[in-house]
Amino acid sequence: MTDTSAHTGKIPATVITGFLGSGKTTLIRHLIENAGGRRIALIINEFGDVGVDGEILKGCGVESCSEDDIIELANGCICCTVADDFLPTMQALIERDIPPDHIVIETSGLALPKPLVQAFNWPEVRTRVTVDGVVTLVDADAVAQGRFAHDEDALSAQRAADEMLDHDSPLEELFEDQLHCADMVVLTKADLVSADALEDVRRNLTAHTRPGVHFVQAERGNLPADTLLGLGIAAENEIEHRHSHHDAEGEDHDHDDFDSFVVNLDFVPSAEVLAQRIASLAKAEEVYRVKGFVPVEGRDMRLLVQAVGPRVNWHFDRAWKEGEPPAGRLVVIGASGFSRANAERILKGG
């Protein structure tokens, strides 16, 4: 593909989207650690007020992407707050004395990419920045199992049992909208599925993508920067032709189908115990995502936890900083109406 930004003088921006737990932060961390000298600015939109993704990326220690180049938007989903949050952030970036070579935007797992891309047509942005491409991440393992979010089977069964309900669930619509807007689809967690299953996943997803969309696969976010950057699509020029279930809503898209809150935790006995609690929570409630940092008894390092449904990943990412209280905070995201009291009880070992 031709990198149109090189000819227009505009700063290229890549929008990275994907459902909860698809691996966006892992992919971006690998990207900035292997940026090939590019000065990359990151705009991170998180669903919930704990800056987990920002904390992970700030720990990379990459000189060309300092903490000042990582900007977190946590006042709401970016697709709903483009005027209040996103546009002022973009203006501040492009007006720097030394602007970035490339801007990468990580949306929340519940964001619609189309309203965000449309915002690049605002006069304050259009003359300076172009959308190099929309990259949508898909958890190949989840799709191979017949779902893209925890308990998708239950959602499908519920719909099948209701003869009056012939429309897709909000989750399916969101998932399809992220695919409809994609210029590239990255199949993450590809190492967890067989070659035949991966091909089935690719074939099934093709039905929801536009002609010519590229599919690539990644294990642990490992993709070359040149694969993700430099697509040269200028997506803002033809965004109106990318179908969305939420076109009629525009920037008024809401998240009434999801609940999100923060659980504060003291020291947990071990990482394994916390992982068991999270898996138990996923069985008891319709919870899609749990992520955050927790102190562990007998350890002077912070435990980073990221879970999708019952699948829990964790590691000790760094020591607690001097003067930093070792307090645990977990963001919990699930279907609207799930029991917050029950979630807190389970996570606290009650």
Protein backbone atom coordinates (compact mmCIF):
# COMPACT_ATOMS: atom_id res chain seq x y z
CA MET A 1 0.00 0.00 0.00
CA THR A 2 1.05 3.59 -0.59
CA ASP A 3 1.67 5.71 2.50
CA THR A 4 -0.40 8.76 1.59
CA SER A 5 0.72 10.66 4.68
CA ALA A 6 4.24 10.87 3.26
CA HIS A 7 2.89 12.85 0.31
CA THR A 8 0.37 15.02 2.18
CA GLY A 9 2.64 15.99 5.06
CA LYS A 10 0.00 14.88 7.55
CA ILE A 11 0.79 12.92 10.70
CA PRO A 12 -0.48 9.34 10.30
CA ALA A 13 -2.71 7.94 13.04
CA THR A 14 -3.56 4.29 13.60
CA VAL A 15 -6.77 3.34 15.42
CA ILE A 16 -6.45 0.03 17.27
CA THR A 17 -9.77 -1.44 18.31
CA GLY A 18 -11.05 -4.82 19.44
CA PHE A 19 -13.37 -6.39 21.98
CA LEU A 20 -12.53 -6.69 25.67
CA GLY A 21 -9.43 -8.82 26.20
CA SER A 22 -8.45 -9.12 22.55
CA GLY A 23 -4.84 -8.13 23.31
CA LYS A 24 -4.66 -4.47 22.28
CA THR A 25 -2.30 -3.35 25.05
CA THR A 26 0.04 -6.31 24.52
CA LEU A 27 0.25 -5.55 20.81
CA ILE A 28 0.88 -1.84 21.41
CA ARG A 29 3.58 -2.57 23.97
CA HIS A 30 5.42 -4.72 21.43
CA LEU A 31 4.91 -2.00 18.81
CA ILE A 32 6.50 0.80 20.82
CA GLU A 33 9.35 -1.46 21.95
CA ASN A 34 10.11 -2.17 18.27
CA ALA A 35 9.16 1.12 16.65
CA GLY A 36 12.34 1.44 14.62
CA GLY A 37 13.10 4.96 15.82
CA ARG A 38 9.63 6.39 15.19
CA ARG A 39 8.42 8.92 17.75
CA ILE A 40 5.05 7.42 18.66
CA ALA A 41 2.39 9.17 20.75
CA LEU A 42 -0.26 6.98 22.37
CA ILE A 43 -3.82 7.93 23.21
CA ILE A 44 -5.37 5.31 25.48
CA ASN A 45 -9.08 5.14 26.25
CA GLU A 46 -10.02 2.86 29.12
CA PHE A 47 -13.46 1.75 30.30
CA GLY A 48 -13.16 2.41 34.00
CA ASP A 49 -11.11 4.87 36.04
CA VAL A 50 -8.05 2.73 36.78
CA GLY A 51 -5.29 3.44 34.28
CA VAL A 52 -4.18 -0.17 33.90
CA ASP A 53 -3.27 -0.03 30.21
CA GLY A 54 -1.44 3.26 30.64
CA GLU A 55 0.53 1.87 33.57
CA ILE A 56 1.58 -1.17 31.53
CA LEU A 57 2.76 0.94 28.61
CA LYS A 58 4.54 3.52 30.78
CA GLY A 59 6.64 0.70 32.13
CA CYS A 60 8.17 -0.09 28.74
CA GLY A 61 11.09 2.28 29.23
CA VAL A 62 11.36 3.17 25.54
CA GLU A 63 13.18 6.47 24.99
CA SER A 64 11.23 7.36 21.84
CA CYS A 65 7.92 6.94 23.72
CA SER A 66 8.18 8.70 27.07
CA GLU A 67 5.47 9.00 29.71
CA ASP A 68 4.61 12.42 28.23
CA ASP A 69 3.76 10.64 24.98
CA ILE A 70 1.17 8.41 26.66
CA ILE A 71 -2.14 10.20 27.14
CA GLU A 72 -5.01 8.51 28.96
CA LEU A 73 -8.66 9.36 28.38
CA ALA A 74 -10.76 7.84 31.16
CA ASN A 75 -13.79 10.15 31.23
CA GLY A 76 -15.92 7.82 29.15
CA CYS A 77 -15.80 5.80 25.98
CA ILE A 78 -13.88 7.69 23.31
CA CYS A 79 -16.56 7.11 20.68
CA CYS A 80 -18.98 9.13 22.83
CA THR A 81 -16.63 11.91 23.96
CA VAL A 82 -14.76 12.90 20.81
CA ALA A 83 -15.57 16.59 21.13
CA ASP A 84 -14.83 16.90 24.86
CA ASP A 85 -11.77 14.66 25.18
CA PHE A 86 -10.34 13.40 21.92
CA LEU A 87 -10.20 16.58 19.81
CA PRO A 88 -8.45 18.75 22.44
CA THR A 89 -5.95 15.92 22.96
CA MET A 90 -5.24 15.71 19.24
CA GLN A 91 -4.80 19.46 18.96
CA ALA A 92 -2.33 19.48 21.83
CA LEU A 93 -0.30 16.71 20.17
CA ILE A 94 -0.07 18.29 16.73
CA GLU A 95 0.80 21.70 18.17
CA ARG A 96 3.88 20.43 20.01
CA ASP A 97 7.19 21.97 19.05
CA ILE A 98 8.27 18.50 17.93
CA PRO A 99 5.12 16.62 16.87
CA PRO A 100 5.07 12.81 16.87
CA ASP A 101 5.93 10.78 13.78
CA HIS A 102 2.89 8.59 14.33
CA ILE A 103 -0.13 8.60 16.65
CA VAL A 104 -1.57 5.32 17.92
CA ILE A 105 -5.03 5.34 19.50
CA GLU A 106 -6.12 2.39 21.63
CA THR A 107 -9.89 2.43 22.06
CA SER A 108 -11.67 0.76 24.93
CA GLY A 109 -12.97 -2.73 24.26
CA LEU A 110 -16.51 -1.36 24.08
CA ALA A 111 -15.84 1.49 21.66
CA LEU A 112 -17.27 1.99 18.20
CA PRO A 113 -14.44 2.94 15.83
CA LYS A 114 -16.56 4.75 13.24
CA PRO A 115 -17.41 7.91 15.27
CA LEU A 116 -13.75 8.21 16.19
CA VAL A 117 -12.62 8.05 12.56
CA GLN A 118 -15.31 10.57 11.62
CA ALA A 119 -13.78 13.00 14.10
CA PHE A 120 -10.68 13.21 11.90
CA ASN A 121 -12.77 15.23 9.45
CA TRP A 122 -13.10 18.07 11.94
CA PRO A 123 -11.37 21.16 10.47
CA GLU A 124 -8.99 21.44 13.44
CA VAL A 125 -7.62 17.96 12.73
CA ARG A 126 -8.20 17.19 9.06
CA THR A 127 -5.43 19.42 7.71
CA ARG A 128 -2.80 17.98 10.05
CA VAL A 129 -3.60 14.29 10.66
CA THR A 130 -4.85 11.36 8.57
CA VAL A 131 -6.12 7.94 9.63
CA ASP A 132 -3.41 5.60 8.39
CA GLY A 133 -5.68 2.65 9.10
CA VAL A 134 -8.09 0.97 11.50
CA VAL A 135 -6.65 -2.21 13.00
CA THR A 136 -9.17 -4.52 14.69
CA LEU A 137 -7.94 -7.24 17.03
CA VAL A 138 -9.89 -10.47 17.42
CA ASP A 139 -9.26 -13.17 20.02
CA ALA A 140 -8.90 -16.19 17.71
CA ASP A 141 -9.18 -18.65 20.56
CA ALA A 142 -12.48 -17.18 21.75
CA VAL A 143 -13.95 -17.14 18.24
CA ALA A 144 -12.76 -20.71 17.60
CA GLN A 145 -14.73 -21.75 20.67
CA GLY A 146 -17.84 -20.13 19.22
CA ARG A 147 -17.78 -16.91 21.17
CA PHE A 148 -16.00 -13.58 21.31
CA ALA A 149 -16.87 -12.83 24.92
CA HIS A 150 -17.34 -14.96 27.99
CA ASP A 151 -20.67 -16.81 28.10
CA GLU A 152 -21.53 -16.05 24.48
CA ASP A 153 -23.15 -19.51 24.34
CA ALA A 154 -25.59 -18.44 27.03
CA LEU A 155 -26.41 -15.26 25.11
CA SER A 156 -27.06 -17.25 21.94
CA ALA A 157 -29.23 -19.76 23.80
CA GLN A 158 -31.24 -16.95 25.34
CA ARG A 159 -31.89 -15.44 21.92
CA ALA A 160 -32.80 -18.79 20.38
CA ALA A 161 -35.29 -19.49 23.17
CA ASP A 162 -37.14 -16.21 22.61
CA GLU A 163 -39.22 -16.45 19.44
CA MET A 164 -39.97 -12.72 19.59
CA LEU A 165 -36.28 -11.80 19.63
CA ASP A 166 -34.88 -11.83 16.10
CA HIS A 167 -32.24 -9.13 16.38
CA ASP A 168 -28.60 -9.53 17.32
CA SER A 169 -27.41 -8.92 20.84
CA PRO A 170 -25.62 -5.61 21.61
CA LEU A 171 -22.39 -7.57 22.03
CA GLU A 172 -22.64 -9.08 18.57
CA GLU A 173 -23.44 -5.69 17.04
CA LEU A 174 -20.43 -4.10 18.71
CA PHE A 175 -18.16 -6.94 17.58
CA GLU A 176 -19.44 -6.67 14.00
CA ASP A 177 -19.08 -2.88 13.96
CA GLN A 178 -15.43 -3.20 14.92
CA LEU A 179 -14.95 -5.64 12.03
CA HIS A 180 -16.92 -3.55 9.53
CA CYS A 181 -14.62 -0.59 10.15
CA ALA A 182 -11.35 -2.54 9.91
CA ASP A 183 -8.62 -2.07 7.31
CA MET A 184 -6.66 -4.90 8.91
CA VAL A 185 -7.78 -7.71 11.22
CA VAL A 186 -5.20 -9.13 13.63
CA LEU A 187 -5.99 -12.61 14.92
CA THR A 188 -4.49 -12.66 18.42
CA LYS A 189 -3.83 -15.73 20.58
CA ALA A 190 -3.34 -17.63 17.32
CA ASP A 191 -0.95 -19.99 19.10
CA LEU A 192 -3.86 -21.37 21.15
CA VAL A 193 -5.75 -22.81 18.17
CA SER A 194 -4.93 -25.34 15.46
CA ALA A 195 -4.18 -24.34 11.87
CA ASP A 196 -7.55 -25.71 10.69
CA ALA A 197 -9.44 -23.88 13.43
CA LEU A 198 -7.59 -20.67 12.61
CA GLU A 199 -8.60 -20.96 8.98
CA ASP A 200 -12.23 -21.47 10.04
CA VAL A 201 -12.02 -18.34 12.18
CA ARG A 202 -10.62 -16.35 9.28
CA ARG A 203 -13.35 -17.61 6.95
CA ASN A 204 -16.13 -16.78 9.43
CA LEU A 205 -14.82 -13.27 10.08
CA THR A 206 -14.50 -12.51 6.38
CA ALA A 207 -18.30 -12.37 6.19
CA HIS A 208 -18.20 -9.28 8.43
CA THR A 209 -15.33 -7.39 6.77
CA ARG A 210 -15.13 -5.29 3.65
CA PRO A 211 -13.45 -6.64 0.49
CA GLY A 212 -9.68 -6.33 0.53
CA VAL A 213 -9.25 -6.25 4.30
CA HIS A 214 -5.96 -7.90 5.30
CA PHE A 215 -5.85 -10.67 7.92
CA VAL A 216 -2.67 -11.28 9.92
CA GLN A 217 -2.06 -13.36 13.01
CA ALA A 218 -0.08 -12.60 16.13
CA GLU A 219 1.17 -14.45 19.16
CA ARG A 220 1.66 -12.37 22.31
CA GLY A 221 1.34 -9.17 20.29
CA ASN A 222 4.40 -9.95 18.19
CA LEU A 223 3.94 -8.09 14.90
CA PRO A 224 6.50 -5.89 13.09
CA ALA A 225 5.83 -2.16 13.22
CA ASP A 226 5.95 -2.03 9.42
CA THR A 227 3.01 -4.43 9.30
CA LEU A 228 0.78 -2.21 11.44
CA LEU A 229 1.98 1.24 10.41
CA GLY A 230 2.18 2.83 7.00
CA LEU A 231 -1.05 1.38 5.55
CA GLY A 232 -1.80 4.76 3.96
CA ILE A 233 -5.58 4.26 3.90
CA ALA A 234 -6.79 7.80 4.79
CA ALA A 235 -9.88 6.13 6.27
CA GLU A 236 -11.51 9.45 7.14
CA ASN A 237 -12.11 10.09 3.43
CA GLU A 238 -14.52 7.18 3.01
CA ILE A 239 -15.70 6.42 6.53
CA GLU A 240 -19.35 7.06 5.60
CA HIS A 241 -19.25 3.94 3.44
CA ARG A 242 -18.33 1.68 6.37
CA HIS A 243 -21.52 0.14 7.72
CA SER A 244 -22.35 0.30 11.43
CA HIS A 245 -25.30 -1.03 13.40
CA HIS A 246 -25.16 2.24 15.33
CA ASP A 247 -25.14 4.70 12.44
CA ALA A 248 -28.40 6.29 13.59
CA GLU A 249 -26.94 6.92 17.05
CA GLY A 250 -23.81 8.79 15.94
CA GLU A 251 -21.94 10.06 18.98
CA ASP A 252 -24.93 9.26 21.23
CA HIS A 253 -24.04 5.57 21.39
CA ASP A 254 -24.48 4.46 24.98
CA HIS A 255 -23.24 1.58 27.09
CA ASP A 256 -26.38 0.73 28.99
CA ASP A 257 -25.75 -2.95 28.19
CA PHE A 258 -22.55 -2.93 30.29
CA ASP A 259 -21.62 -2.15 33.87
CA SER A 260 -18.16 -1.25 35.12
CA PHE A 261 -16.83 -0.61 38.60
CA VAL A 262 -13.63 -0.79 40.65
CA VAL A 263 -12.98 -3.23 43.47
CA ASN A 264 -10.39 -2.13 46.05
CA LEU A 265 -8.37 -5.02 47.47
CA ASP A 266 -5.89 -5.46 50.30
CA PHE A 267 -3.10 -8.02 50.06
CA VAL A 268 -4.11 -11.34 48.50
CA PRO A 269 -2.50 -14.63 49.65
CA SER A 270 -1.07 -15.47 46.23
CA ALA A 271 -1.52 -14.91 42.51
CA GLU A 272 -2.99 -18.39 42.18
CA VAL A 273 -5.64 -17.69 44.80
CA LEU A 274 -6.69 -14.48 43.07
CA ALA A 275 -6.85 -16.27 39.71
CA GLN A 276 -9.15 -18.87 41.26
CA ARG A 277 -11.39 -16.13 42.64
CA ILE A 278 -11.63 -14.46 39.24
CA ALA A 279 -12.46 -17.77 37.55
CA SER A 280 -15.16 -18.36 40.17
CA LEU A 281 -16.57 -14.90 39.53
CA ALA A 282 -16.75 -15.60 35.78
CA LYS A 283 -18.84 -18.70 36.52
CA ALA A 284 -21.12 -16.93 38.97
CA GLU A 285 -21.75 -13.67 37.08
CA GLU A 286 -21.77 -12.48 33.47
CA VAL A 287 -18.39 -10.78 33.75
CA TYR A 288 -16.36 -10.17 30.58
CA ARG A 289 -13.19 -8.54 31.84
CA VAL A 290 -11.18 -8.10 35.03
CA LYS A 291 -7.90 -6.18 35.04
CA GLY A 292 -5.77 -4.28 37.48
CA PHE A 293 -2.95 -4.36 40.01
CA VAL A 294 -2.88 -6.14 43.38
CA PRO A 295 -0.36 -6.51 46.25
CA VAL A 296 0.55 -10.07 47.26
CA GLU A 297 1.53 -11.21 50.74
CA GLY A 298 5.27 -11.70 51.07
CA ARG A 299 6.09 -10.04 47.73
CA ASP A 300 7.46 -6.55 47.19
CA MET A 301 6.35 -6.47 43.56
CA ARG A 302 3.03 -5.46 42.05
CA LEU A 303 0.89 -8.21 40.54
CA LEU A 304 -0.65 -7.33 37.16
CA VAL A 305 -3.82 -9.30 36.44
CA GLN A 306 -5.73 -9.45 33.16
CA ALA A 307 -8.67 -11.80 32.74
CA VAL A 308 -11.16 -12.51 29.98
CA GLY A 309 -14.02 -14.52 31.42
CA PRO A 310 -12.49 -17.46 33.31
CA ARG A 311 -9.14 -17.19 31.49
CA VAL A 312 -6.70 -15.37 33.80
CA ASN A 313 -3.20 -14.12 32.98
CA TRP A 314 -0.92 -12.58 35.58
CA HIS A 315 2.68 -11.61 36.24
CA PHE A 316 4.67 -9.40 38.61
CA ASP A 317 5.37 -6.33 36.50
CA ARG A 318 7.43 -4.09 38.81
CA ALA A 319 8.32 -3.24 42.39
CA TRP A 320 6.07 -0.86 44.29
CA LYS A 321 7.55 2.62 44.04
CA GLU A 322 8.92 4.44 47.07
CA GLY A 323 6.03 6.16 48.81
CA GLU A 324 3.48 4.26 46.72
CA PRO A 325 0.96 2.46 48.96
CA PRO A 326 0.63 -1.19 47.89
CA ALA A 327 -3.11 -1.02 47.26
CA GLY A 328 -5.06 -3.30 44.96
CA ARG A 329 -7.62 -2.05 42.44
CA LEU A 330 -9.39 -4.18 39.87
CA VAL A 331 -11.68 -2.97 37.10
CA VAL A 332 -14.61 -5.33 36.58
CA ILE A 333 -16.65 -5.09 33.37
CA GLY A 334 -19.72 -7.19 32.68
CA ALA A 335 -23.28 -7.35 31.41
CA SER A 336 -25.65 -4.74 32.76
CA GLY A 337 -27.24 -5.80 36.02
CA PHE A 338 -24.66 -8.30 37.24
CA SER A 339 -24.25 -8.29 41.01
CA ARG A 340 -21.59 -5.89 42.21
CA ALA A 341 -21.97 -7.12 45.77
CA ASN A 342 -21.39 -10.72 44.70
CA ALA A 343 -18.40 -9.74 42.58
CA GLU A 344 -16.76 -7.90 45.47
CA ARG A 345 -17.47 -10.77 47.85
CA ILE A 346 -15.87 -13.34 45.53
CA LEU A 347 -12.83 -11.22 44.68
CA LYS A 348 -12.20 -10.48 48.36
CA GLY A 349 -12.43 -14.16 49.24
CA GLY A 350 -15.72 -13.91 51.12
